[in-house]
PDB file of N, CA and C in Angstrom:
ATOM      1  N   UNK A   1       0.845  -1.194   0.000  1.00  0.00           N
ATOM      2  CA  UNK A   1       0.000   0.000   0.000  1.00  0.00           C
ATOM      3  C   UNK A   1       0.880   1.244   0.000  1.00  0.00           C
ATOM      4  N   UNK A   2       0.465   2.211  -0.791  1.00  0.00           N
ATOM      5  CA  UNK A   2       1.058   3.537  -0.732  1.00  0.00           C
ATOM      6  C   UNK A   2       0.115   4.404   0.087  1.00  0.00           C
ATOM      7  N   UNK A   3       0.657   5.113   1.065  1.00  0.00           N
ATOM      8  CA  UNK A   3      -0.167   5.938   1.946  1.00  0.00           C
ATOM      9  C   UNK A   3       0.295   7.381   1.851  1.00  0.00           C
ATOM     10  N   UNK A   4      -0.675   8.274   1.645  1.00  0.00           N
ATOM     11  CA  UNK A   4      -0.405   9.707   1.656  1.00  0.00           C
ATOM     12  C   UNK A   4      -1.393  10.365   2.603  1.00  0.00           C
ATOM     13  N   UNK A   5      -0.951  11.437   3.219  1.00  0.00           N
ATOM     14  CA  UNK A   5      -1.794  12.179   4.146  1.00  0.00           C
ATOM     15  C   UNK A   5      -1.742  13.660   3.793  1.00  0.00           C
ATOM     16  N   UNK A   6      -2.792  14.371   4.200  1.00  0.00           N
ATOM     17  CA  UNK A   6      -2.828  15.817   4.018  1.00  0.00           C
ATOM     18  C   UNK A   6      -3.630  16.421   5.162  1.00  0.00           C
ATOM     19  N   UNK A   7      -3.202  17.566   5.598  1.00  0.00           N
ATOM     20  CA  UNK A   7      -3.947  18.352   6.594  1.00  0.00           C
ATOM     21  C   UNK A   7      -4.481  19.569   5.845  1.00  0.00           C
ATOM     22  N   UNK A   8      -5.796  19.623   5.708  1.00  0.00           N
ATOM     23  CA  UNK A   8      -6.451  20.650   4.901  1.00  0.00           C
ATOM     24  C   UNK A   8      -7.066  21.695   5.828  1.00  0.00           C
ATOM     25  N   UNK A   9      -6.570  22.936   5.770  1.00  0.00           N
ATOM     26  CA  UNK A   9      -7.143  23.968   6.632  1.00  0.00           C
ATOM     27  C   UNK A   9      -8.534  24.390   6.150  1.00  0.00           C
ATOM     28  N   UNK A  10      -9.516  24.274   7.046  1.00  0.00           N
ATOM     29  CA  UNK A  10     -10.881  24.729   6.770  1.00  0.00           C
ATOM     30  C   UNK A  10     -11.666  24.735   8.076  1.00  0.00           C
ATOM     31  N   UNK A  11     -12.557  25.692   8.209  1.00  0.00           N
ATOM     32  CA  UNK A  11     -13.423  25.749   9.389  1.00  0.00           C
ATOM     33  C   UNK A  11     -14.710  24.950   9.162  1.00  0.00           C
ATOM     34  N   UNK A  12     -14.858  24.350   7.980  1.00  0.00           N
ATOM     35  CA  UNK A  12     -16.057  23.582   7.638  1.00  0.00           C
ATOM     36  C   UNK A  12     -15.747  22.104   7.435  1.00  0.00           C
ATOM     37  N   UNK A  13     -14.740  21.611   8.101  1.00  0.00           N
ATOM     38  CA  UNK A  13     -14.271  20.240   7.890  1.00  0.00           C
ATOM     39  C   UNK A  13     -15.369  19.201   8.111  1.00  0.00           C
ATOM     40  N   UNK A  14     -16.112  19.320   9.182  1.00  0.00           N
ATOM     41  CA  UNK A  14     -17.148  18.337   9.478  1.00  0.00           C
ATOM     42  C   UNK A  14     -18.213  18.322   8.389  1.00  0.00           C
ATOM     43  N   UNK A  15     -18.618  19.470   7.935  1.00  0.00           N
ATOM     44  CA  UNK A  15     -19.631  19.551   6.880  1.00  0.00           C
ATOM     45  C   UNK A  15     -19.136  18.870   5.600  1.00  0.00           C
ATOM     46  N   UNK A  16     -17.893  19.168   5.196  1.00  0.00           N
ATOM     47  CA  UNK A  16     -17.356  18.583   3.970  1.00  0.00           C
ATOM     48  C   UNK A  16     -17.185  17.074   4.103  1.00  0.00           C
ATOM     49  N   UNK A  17     -16.719  16.626   5.267  1.00  0.00           N
ATOM     50  CA  UNK A  17     -16.564  15.200   5.527  1.00  0.00           C
ATOM     51  C   UNK A  17     -17.903  14.487   5.356  1.00  0.00           C
ATOM     52  N   UNK A  18     -18.958  15.022   5.959  1.00  0.00           N
ATOM     53  CA  UNK A  18     -20.269  14.389   5.894  1.00  0.00           C
ATOM     54  C   UNK A  18     -20.848  14.419   4.479  1.00  0.00           C
ATOM     55  N   UNK A  19     -20.653  15.532   3.772  1.00  0.00           N
ATOM     56  CA  UNK A  19     -21.160  15.619   2.405  1.00  0.00           C
ATOM     57  C   UNK A  19     -20.475  14.597   1.505  1.00  0.00           C
ATOM     58  N   UNK A  20     -19.164  14.483   1.635  1.00  0.00           N
ATOM     59  CA  UNK A  20     -18.426  13.530   0.819  1.00  0.00           C
ATOM     60  C   UNK A  20     -18.846  12.103   1.150  1.00  0.00           C
ATOM     61  N   UNK A  21     -18.962  11.793   2.424  1.00  0.00           N
ATOM     62  CA  UNK A  21     -19.357  10.444   2.838  1.00  0.00           C
ATOM     63  C   UNK A  21     -20.753  10.100   2.312  1.00  0.00           C
ATOM     64  N   UNK A  22     -21.693  11.004   2.437  1.00  0.00           N
ATOM     65  CA  UNK A  22     -23.047  10.749   1.940  1.00  0.00           C
ATOM     66  C   UNK A  22     -23.039  10.599   0.419  1.00  0.00           C
ATOM     67  N   UNK A  23     -22.280  11.426  -0.266  1.00  0.00           N
ATOM     68  CA  UNK A  23     -22.190  11.379  -1.728  1.00  0.00           C
ATOM     69  C   UNK A  23     -21.684  10.017  -2.193  1.00  0.00           C
ATOM     70  N   UNK A  24     -20.629   9.521  -1.571  1.00  0.00           N
ATOM     71  CA  UNK A  24     -20.026   8.263  -1.999  1.00  0.00           C
ATOM     72  C   UNK A  24     -20.709   7.034  -1.405  1.00  0.00           C
ATOM     73  N   UNK A  25     -21.589   7.217  -0.435  1.00  0.00           N
ATOM     74  CA  UNK A  25     -22.239   6.064   0.194  1.00  0.00           C
ATOM     75  C   UNK A  25     -23.166   5.325  -0.775  1.00  0.00           C
ATOM     76  N   UNK A  26     -23.536   5.962  -1.873  1.00  0.00           N
ATOM     77  CA  UNK A  26     -24.401   5.321  -2.858  1.00  0.00           C
ATOM     78  C   UNK A  26     -23.636   4.320  -3.725  1.00  0.00           C
ATOM     79  N   UNK A  27     -22.304   4.469  -3.769  1.00  0.00           N
ATOM     80  CA  UNK A  27     -21.504   3.626  -4.653  1.00  0.00           C
ATOM     81  C   UNK A  27     -20.455   2.796  -3.919  1.00  0.00           C
ATOM     82  N   UNK A  28     -20.123   3.190  -2.686  1.00  0.00           N
ATOM     83  CA  UNK A  28     -19.025   2.543  -1.972  1.00  0.00           C
ATOM     84  C   UNK A  28     -19.412   2.222  -0.543  1.00  0.00           C
ATOM     85  N   UNK A  29     -18.562   1.431   0.115  1.00  0.00           N
ATOM     86  CA  UNK A  29     -18.765   1.121   1.532  1.00  0.00           C
ATOM     87  C   UNK A  29     -18.269   2.307   2.349  1.00  0.00           C
ATOM     88  N   UNK A  30     -19.181   2.911   3.114  1.00  0.00           N
ATOM     89  CA  UNK A  30     -18.870   4.142   3.848  1.00  0.00           C
ATOM     90  C   UNK A  30     -19.390   4.032   5.274  1.00  0.00           C
ATOM     91  N   UNK A  31     -18.573   4.481   6.230  1.00  0.00           N
ATOM     92  CA  UNK A  31     -19.043   4.667   7.605  1.00  0.00           C
ATOM     93  C   UNK A  31     -18.576   6.054   8.033  1.00  0.00           C
ATOM     94  N   UNK A  32     -19.449   6.774   8.750  1.00  0.00           N
ATOM     95  CA  UNK A  32     -19.056   8.127   9.145  1.00  0.00           C
ATOM     96  C   UNK A  32     -19.872   8.653  10.311  1.00  0.00           C
ATOM     97  N   UNK A  33     -19.269   9.630  10.969  1.00  0.00           N
ATOM     98  CA  UNK A  33     -19.918  10.413  12.016  1.00  0.00           C
ATOM     99  C   UNK A  33     -19.618  11.873  11.686  1.00  0.00           C
ATOM    100  N   UNK A  34     -19.874  12.778  12.609  1.00  0.00           N
ATOM    101  CA  UNK A  34     -19.576  14.189  12.361  1.00  0.00           C
ATOM    102  C   UNK A  34     -18.077  14.463  12.282  1.00  0.00           C
ATOM    103  N   UNK A  35     -17.256  13.634  12.952  1.00  0.00           N
ATOM    104  CA  UNK A  35     -15.815  13.878  12.994  1.00  0.00           C
ATOM    105  C   UNK A  35     -14.959  12.853  12.246  1.00  0.00           C
ATOM    106  N   UNK A  36     -15.502  11.686  11.940  1.00  0.00           N
ATOM    107  CA  UNK A  36     -14.694  10.622  11.338  1.00  0.00           C
ATOM    108  C   UNK A  36     -15.431  10.004  10.152  1.00  0.00           C
ATOM    109  N   UNK A  37     -14.659   9.601   9.148  1.00  0.00           N
ATOM    110  CA  UNK A  37     -15.247   8.861   8.032  1.00  0.00           C
ATOM    111  C   UNK A  37     -14.223   7.873   7.492  1.00  0.00           C
ATOM    112  N   UNK A  38     -14.747   6.778   6.975  1.00  0.00           N
ATOM    113  CA  UNK A  38     -13.916   5.784   6.291  1.00  0.00           C
ATOM    114  C   UNK A  38     -14.663   5.378   5.029  1.00  0.00           C
ATOM    115  N   UNK A  39     -13.978   5.476   3.908  1.00  0.00           N
ATOM    116  CA  UNK A  39     -14.561   5.153   2.618  1.00  0.00           C
ATOM    117  C   UNK A  39     -13.678   4.107   1.957  1.00  0.00           C
ATOM    118  N   UNK A  40     -14.293   2.996   1.540  1.00  0.00           N
ATOM    119  CA  UNK A  40     -13.572   1.913   0.869  1.00  0.00           C
ATOM    120  C   UNK A  40     -13.940   1.953  -0.615  1.00  0.00           C
ATOM    121  N   UNK A  41     -12.945   2.178  -1.456  1.00  0.00           N
ATOM    122  CA  UNK A  41     -13.144   2.243  -2.899  1.00  0.00           C
ATOM    123  C   UNK A  41     -13.137   0.837  -3.497  1.00  0.00           C
ATOM    124  N   UNK A  42     -13.823   0.652  -4.627  1.00  0.00           N
ATOM    125  CA  UNK A  42     -13.839  -0.663  -5.284  1.00  0.00           C
ATOM    126  C   UNK A  42     -12.446  -1.153  -5.706  1.00  0.00           C
ATOM    127  N   UNK A  43     -11.505  -0.234  -5.937  1.00  0.00           N
ATOM    128  CA  UNK A  43     -10.153  -0.620  -6.371  1.00  0.00           C
ATOM    129  C   UNK A  43      -9.250  -1.033  -5.209  1.00  0.00           C
ATOM    130  N   UNK A  44      -9.810  -1.084  -3.984  1.00  0.00           N
ATOM    131  CA  UNK A  44      -9.030  -1.491  -2.817  1.00  0.00           C
ATOM    132  C   UNK A  44      -8.439  -0.343  -2.026  1.00  0.00           C
ATOM    133  N   UNK A  45      -8.548   0.875  -2.540  1.00  0.00           N
ATOM    134  CA  UNK A  45      -8.062   2.050  -1.813  1.00  0.00           C
ATOM    135  C   UNK A  45      -9.015   2.372  -0.669  1.00  0.00           C
ATOM    136  N   UNK A  46      -8.480   3.018   0.382  1.00  0.00           N
ATOM    137  CA  UNK A  46      -9.315   3.484   1.486  1.00  0.00           C
ATOM    138  C   UNK A  46      -9.000   4.944   1.774  1.00  0.00           C
ATOM    139  N   UNK A  47     -10.017   5.661   2.192  1.00  0.00           N
ATOM    140  CA  UNK A  47      -9.891   7.064   2.558  1.00  0.00           C
ATOM    141  C   UNK A  47     -10.406   7.226   3.976  1.00  0.00           C
ATOM    142  N   UNK A  48      -9.551   7.743   4.862  1.00  0.00           N
ATOM    143  CA  UNK A  48      -9.945   8.036   6.235  1.00  0.00           C
ATOM    144  C   UNK A  48      -9.888   9.540   6.421  1.00  0.00           C
ATOM    145  N   UNK A  49     -10.943  10.092   7.012  1.00  0.00           N
ATOM    146  CA  UNK A  49     -11.041  11.528   7.239  1.00  0.00           C
ATOM    147  C   UNK A  49     -11.287  11.793   8.716  1.00  0.00           C
ATOM    148  N   UNK A  50     -10.693  12.875   9.200  1.00  0.00           N
ATOM    149  CA  UNK A  50     -10.923  13.321  10.576  1.00  0.00           C
ATOM    150  C   UNK A  50     -11.107  14.834  10.549  1.00  0.00           C
ATOM    151  N   UNK A  51     -12.214  15.295  11.108  1.00  0.00           N
ATOM    152  CA  UNK A  51     -12.521  16.722  11.121  1.00  0.00           C
ATOM    153  C   UNK A  51     -12.398  17.286  12.522  1.00  0.00           C
ATOM    154  N   UNK A  52     -11.806  18.463  12.612  1.00  0.00           N
ATOM    155  CA  UNK A  52     -11.860  19.239  13.847  1.00  0.00           C
ATOM    156  C   UNK A  52     -12.241  20.667  13.461  1.00  0.00           C
ATOM    157  N   UNK A  53     -12.159  21.595  14.384  1.00  0.00           N
ATOM    158  CA  UNK A  53     -12.637  22.953  14.127  1.00  0.00           C
ATOM    159  C   UNK A  53     -11.744  23.753  13.182  1.00  0.00           C
ATOM    160  N   UNK A  54     -10.521  23.293  12.946  1.00  0.00           N
ATOM    161  CA  UNK A  54      -9.561  24.042  12.123  1.00  0.00           C
ATOM    162  C   UNK A  54      -9.131  23.327  10.847  1.00  0.00           C
ATOM    163  N   UNK A  55      -9.204  21.974  10.856  1.00  0.00           N
ATOM    164  CA  UNK A  55      -8.651  21.222   9.725  1.00  0.00           C
ATOM    165  C   UNK A  55      -9.452  19.955   9.416  1.00  0.00           C
ATOM    166  N   UNK A  56      -9.248  19.487   8.200  1.00  0.00           N
ATOM    167  CA  UNK A  56      -9.719  18.176   7.786  1.00  0.00           C
ATOM    168  C   UNK A  56      -8.472  17.349   7.501  1.00  0.00           C
ATOM    169  N   UNK A  57      -8.263  16.306   8.286  1.00  0.00           N
ATOM    170  CA  UNK A  57      -7.121  15.418   8.081  1.00  0.00           C
ATOM    171  C   UNK A  57      -7.555  14.298   7.147  1.00  0.00           C
ATOM    172  N   UNK A  58      -6.740  14.071   6.123  1.00  0.00           N
ATOM    173  CA  UNK A  58      -7.052  13.109   5.080  1.00  0.00           C
ATOM    174  C   UNK A  58      -5.942  12.068   5.030  1.00  0.00           C
ATOM    175  N   UNK A  59      -6.319  10.780   5.024  1.00  0.00           N
ATOM    176  CA  UNK A  59      -5.356   9.679   4.878  1.00  0.00           C
ATOM    177  C   UNK A  59      -5.863   8.784   3.768  1.00  0.00           C
ATOM    178  N   UNK A  60      -5.080   8.668   2.721  1.00  0.00           N
ATOM    179  CA  UNK A  60      -5.452   7.888   1.554  1.00  0.00           C
ATOM    180  C   UNK A  60      -4.467   6.736   1.391  1.00  0.00           C
ATOM    181  N   UNK A  61      -4.979   5.516   1.384  1.00  0.00           N
ATOM    182  CA  UNK A  61      -4.151   4.322   1.180  1.00  0.00           C
ATOM    183  C   UNK A  61      -4.564   3.680  -0.139  1.00  0.00           C
ATOM    184  N   UNK A  62      -3.581   3.495  -1.018  1.00  0.00           N
ATOM    185  CA  UNK A  62      -3.838   2.977  -2.363  1.00  0.00           C
ATOM    186  C   UNK A  62      -3.005   1.716  -2.558  1.00  0.00           C
ATOM    187  N   UNK A  63      -3.614   0.636  -3.089  1.00  0.00           N
ATOM    188  CA  UNK A  63      -2.839  -0.578  -3.351  1.00  0.00           C
ATOM    189  C   UNK A  63      -1.664  -0.284  -4.280  1.00  0.00           C
ATOM    190  N   UNK A  64      -0.617  -1.093  -4.164  1.00  0.00           N
ATOM    191  CA  UNK A  64       0.612  -0.868  -4.930  1.00  0.00           C
ATOM    192  C   UNK A  64       0.372  -0.709  -6.420  1.00  0.00           C
ATOM    193  N   UNK A  65      -0.570  -1.466  -6.968  1.00  0.00           N
ATOM    194  CA  UNK A  65      -0.824  -1.369  -8.396  1.00  0.00           C
ATOM    195  C   UNK A  65      -1.732  -0.188  -8.754  1.00  0.00           C
ATOM    196  N   UNK A  66      -2.193   0.545  -7.753  1.00  0.00           N
ATOM    197  CA  UNK A  66      -3.107   1.668  -7.974  1.00  0.00           C
ATOM    198  C   UNK A  66      -2.390   2.946  -8.383  1.00  0.00           C
ATOM    199  N   UNK A  67      -3.165   3.898  -8.865  1.00  0.00           N
ATOM    200  CA  UNK A  67      -2.671   5.191  -9.330  1.00  0.00           C
ATOM    201  C   UNK A  67      -2.878   6.224  -8.221  1.00  0.00           C
ATOM    202  N   UNK A  68      -1.854   6.442  -7.422  1.00  0.00           N
ATOM    203  CA  UNK A  68      -1.948   7.355  -6.274  1.00  0.00           C
ATOM    204  C   UNK A  68      -2.283   8.773  -6.734  1.00  0.00           C
ATOM    205  N   UNK A  69      -1.637   9.245  -7.770  1.00  0.00           N
ATOM    206  CA  UNK A  69      -1.879  10.609  -8.255  1.00  0.00           C
ATOM    207  C   UNK A  69      -3.340  10.792  -8.655  1.00  0.00           C
ATOM    208  N   UNK A  70      -3.896   9.817  -9.342  1.00  0.00           N
ATOM    209  CA  UNK A  70      -5.296   9.905  -9.769  1.00  0.00           C
ATOM    210  C   UNK A  70      -6.231   9.885  -8.563  1.00  0.00           C
ATOM    211  N   UNK A  71      -5.946   9.039  -7.584  1.00  0.00           N
ATOM    212  CA  UNK A  71      -6.797   8.973  -6.392  1.00  0.00           C
ATOM    213  C   UNK A  71      -6.742  10.270  -5.598  1.00  0.00           C
ATOM    214  N   UNK A  72      -5.559  10.880  -5.500  1.00  0.00           N
ATOM    215  CA  UNK A  72      -5.452  12.183  -4.817  1.00  0.00           C
ATOM    216  C   UNK A  72      -6.299  13.215  -5.545  1.00  0.00           C
ATOM    217  N   UNK A  73      -6.253  13.189  -6.863  1.00  0.00           N
ATOM    218  CA  UNK A  73      -7.030  14.129  -7.671  1.00  0.00           C
ATOM    219  C   UNK A  73      -8.536  13.930  -7.464  1.00  0.00           C
ATOM    220  N   UNK A  74      -8.983  12.678  -7.420  1.00  0.00           N
ATOM    221  CA  UNK A  74     -10.393  12.369  -7.207  1.00  0.00           C
ATOM    222  C   UNK A  74     -10.866  12.900  -5.857  1.00  0.00           C
ATOM    223  N   UNK A  75     -10.091  12.635  -4.813  1.00  0.00           N
ATOM    224  CA  UNK A  75     -10.467  13.085  -3.470  1.00  0.00           C
ATOM    225  C   UNK A  75     -10.497  14.611  -3.408  1.00  0.00           C
ATOM    226  N   UNK A  76      -9.441  15.259  -3.875  1.00  0.00           N
ATOM    227  CA  UNK A  76      -9.361  16.724  -3.816  1.00  0.00           C
ATOM    228  C   UNK A  76     -10.461  17.376  -4.639  1.00  0.00           C
ATOM    229  N   UNK A  77     -10.722  16.873  -5.832  1.00  0.00           N
ATOM    230  CA  UNK A  77     -11.734  17.506  -6.683  1.00  0.00           C
ATOM    231  C   UNK A  77     -13.135  17.369  -6.090  1.00  0.00           C
ATOM    232  N   UNK A  78     -13.424  16.223  -5.492  1.00  0.00           N
ATOM    233  CA  UNK A  78     -14.729  16.061  -4.861  1.00  0.00           C
ATOM    234  C   UNK A  78     -14.877  16.979  -3.644  1.00  0.00           C
ATOM    235  N   UNK A  79     -13.855  17.059  -2.824  1.00  0.00           N
ATOM    236  CA  UNK A  79     -13.933  17.960  -1.666  1.00  0.00           C
ATOM    237  C   UNK A  79     -14.042  19.416  -2.116  1.00  0.00           C
ATOM    238  N   UNK A  80     -13.335  19.785  -3.167  1.00  0.00           N
ATOM    239  CA  UNK A  80     -13.431  21.154  -3.682  1.00  0.00           C
ATOM    240  C   UNK A  80     -14.841  21.476  -4.165  1.00  0.00           C
ATOM    241  N   UNK A  81     -15.544  20.506  -4.708  1.00  0.00           N
ATOM    242  CA  UNK A  81     -16.935  20.741  -5.139  1.00  0.00           C
ATOM    243  C   UNK A  81     -17.818  21.122  -3.958  1.00  0.00           C
ATOM    244  N   UNK A  82     -17.621  20.436  -2.822  1.00  0.00           N
ATOM    245  CA  UNK A  82     -18.421  20.749  -1.647  1.00  0.00           C
ATOM    246  C   UNK A  82     -17.969  22.041  -0.985  1.00  0.00           C
ATOM    247  N   UNK A  83     -16.723  22.406  -1.188  1.00  0.00           N
ATOM    248  CA  UNK A  83     -16.142  23.614  -0.584  1.00  0.00           C
ATOM    249  C   UNK A  83     -16.075  24.751  -1.597  1.00  0.00           C
ATOM    250  N   UNK A  84     -17.042  24.817  -2.501  1.00  0.00           N
ATOM    251  CA  UNK A  84     -16.953  25.770  -3.604  1.00  0.00           C
ATOM    252  C   UNK A  84     -16.790  27.212  -3.145  1.00  0.00           C
ATOM    253  N   UNK A  85     -17.269  27.552  -1.971  1.00  0.00           N
ATOM    254  CA  UNK A  85     -17.125  28.928  -1.482  1.00  0.00           C
ATOM    255  C   UNK A  85     -15.686  29.270  -1.108  1.00  0.00           C
ATOM    256  N   UNK A  86     -14.908  28.261  -0.735  1.00  0.00           N
ATOM    257  CA  UNK A  86     -13.516  28.501  -0.358  1.00  0.00           C
ATOM    258  C   UNK A  86     -12.513  27.709  -1.200  1.00  0.00           C
ATOM    259  N   UNK A  87     -13.013  27.058  -2.242  1.00  0.00           N
ATOM    260  CA  UNK A  87     -12.142  26.260  -3.117  1.00  0.00           C
ATOM    261  C   UNK A  87     -11.223  27.162  -3.932  1.00  0.00           C
ATOM    262  N   UNK A  88     -10.059  26.661  -4.316  1.00  0.00           N
ATOM    263  CA  UNK A  88      -9.618  25.302  -4.038  1.00  0.00           C
ATOM    264  C   UNK A  88      -9.026  25.181  -2.634  1.00  0.00           C
ATOM    265  N   UNK A  89      -9.321  24.068  -1.998  1.00  0.00           N
ATOM    266  CA  UNK A  89      -8.726  23.777  -0.703  1.00  0.00           C
ATOM    267  C   UNK A  89      -7.237  23.473  -0.895  1.00  0.00           C
ATOM    268  N   UNK A  90      -6.479  23.643   0.172  1.00  0.00           N
ATOM    269  CA  UNK A  90      -5.037  23.401   0.121  1.00  0.00           C
ATOM    270  C   UNK A  90      -4.728  21.990   0.623  1.00  0.00           C
ATOM    271  N   UNK A  91      -4.259  21.142  -0.279  1.00  0.00           N
ATOM    272  CA  UNK A  91      -3.865  19.779   0.064  1.00  0.00           C
ATOM    273  C   UNK A  91      -2.342  19.715  -0.006  1.00  0.00           C
ATOM    274  N   UNK A  92      -1.704  19.568   1.144  1.00  0.00           N
ATOM    275  CA  UNK A  92      -0.257  19.440   1.195  1.00  0.00           C
ATOM    276  C   UNK A  92       0.052  17.958   1.418  1.00  0.00           C
ATOM    277  N   UNK A  93      -0.072  17.162   0.338  1.00  0.00           N
ATOM    278  CA  UNK A  93       0.083  15.720   0.433  1.00  0.00           C
ATOM    279  C   UNK A  93       1.496  15.336   0.839  1.00  0.00           C
ATOM    280  N   UNK A  94       1.589  14.416   1.783  1.00  0.00           N
ATOM    281  CA  UNK A  94       2.865  13.888   2.261  1.00  0.00           C
ATOM    282  C   UNK A  94       2.799  12.375   2.267  1.00  0.00           C
ATOM    283  N   UNK A  95       3.866  11.728   1.858  1.00  0.00           N
ATOM    284  CA  UNK A  95       3.942  10.276   1.946  1.00  0.00           C
ATOM    285  C   UNK A  95       4.203   9.843   3.378  1.00  0.00           C
ATOM    286  N   UNK A  96       3.720   8.674   3.726  1.00  0.00           N
ATOM    287  CA  UNK A  96       3.910   8.139   5.082  1.00  0.00           C
ATOM    288  C   UNK A  96       4.879   6.982   5.033  1.00  0.00           C
TER     289      UNK A  96
END
């Protein structure tokens, strides 16, 4: 697995987390609360989110044969859609 993380500054982290989880729950396995979410993609990748009052912490794990760059783009673009008032959000992706 390749794992990347990002700390995204936003005061609306919980709202964006919940919107993304609800959006993807129609197509993927999703569990979430106001502060935590876990999304399992069909390609074996997983997305874990944690919201607090200042940031949205994002952890993306992609199988070795997966396209990490594409998955980062998918996650960021979807979150930016929900954050259209403050988009683009700042994703400072770091490898783990």
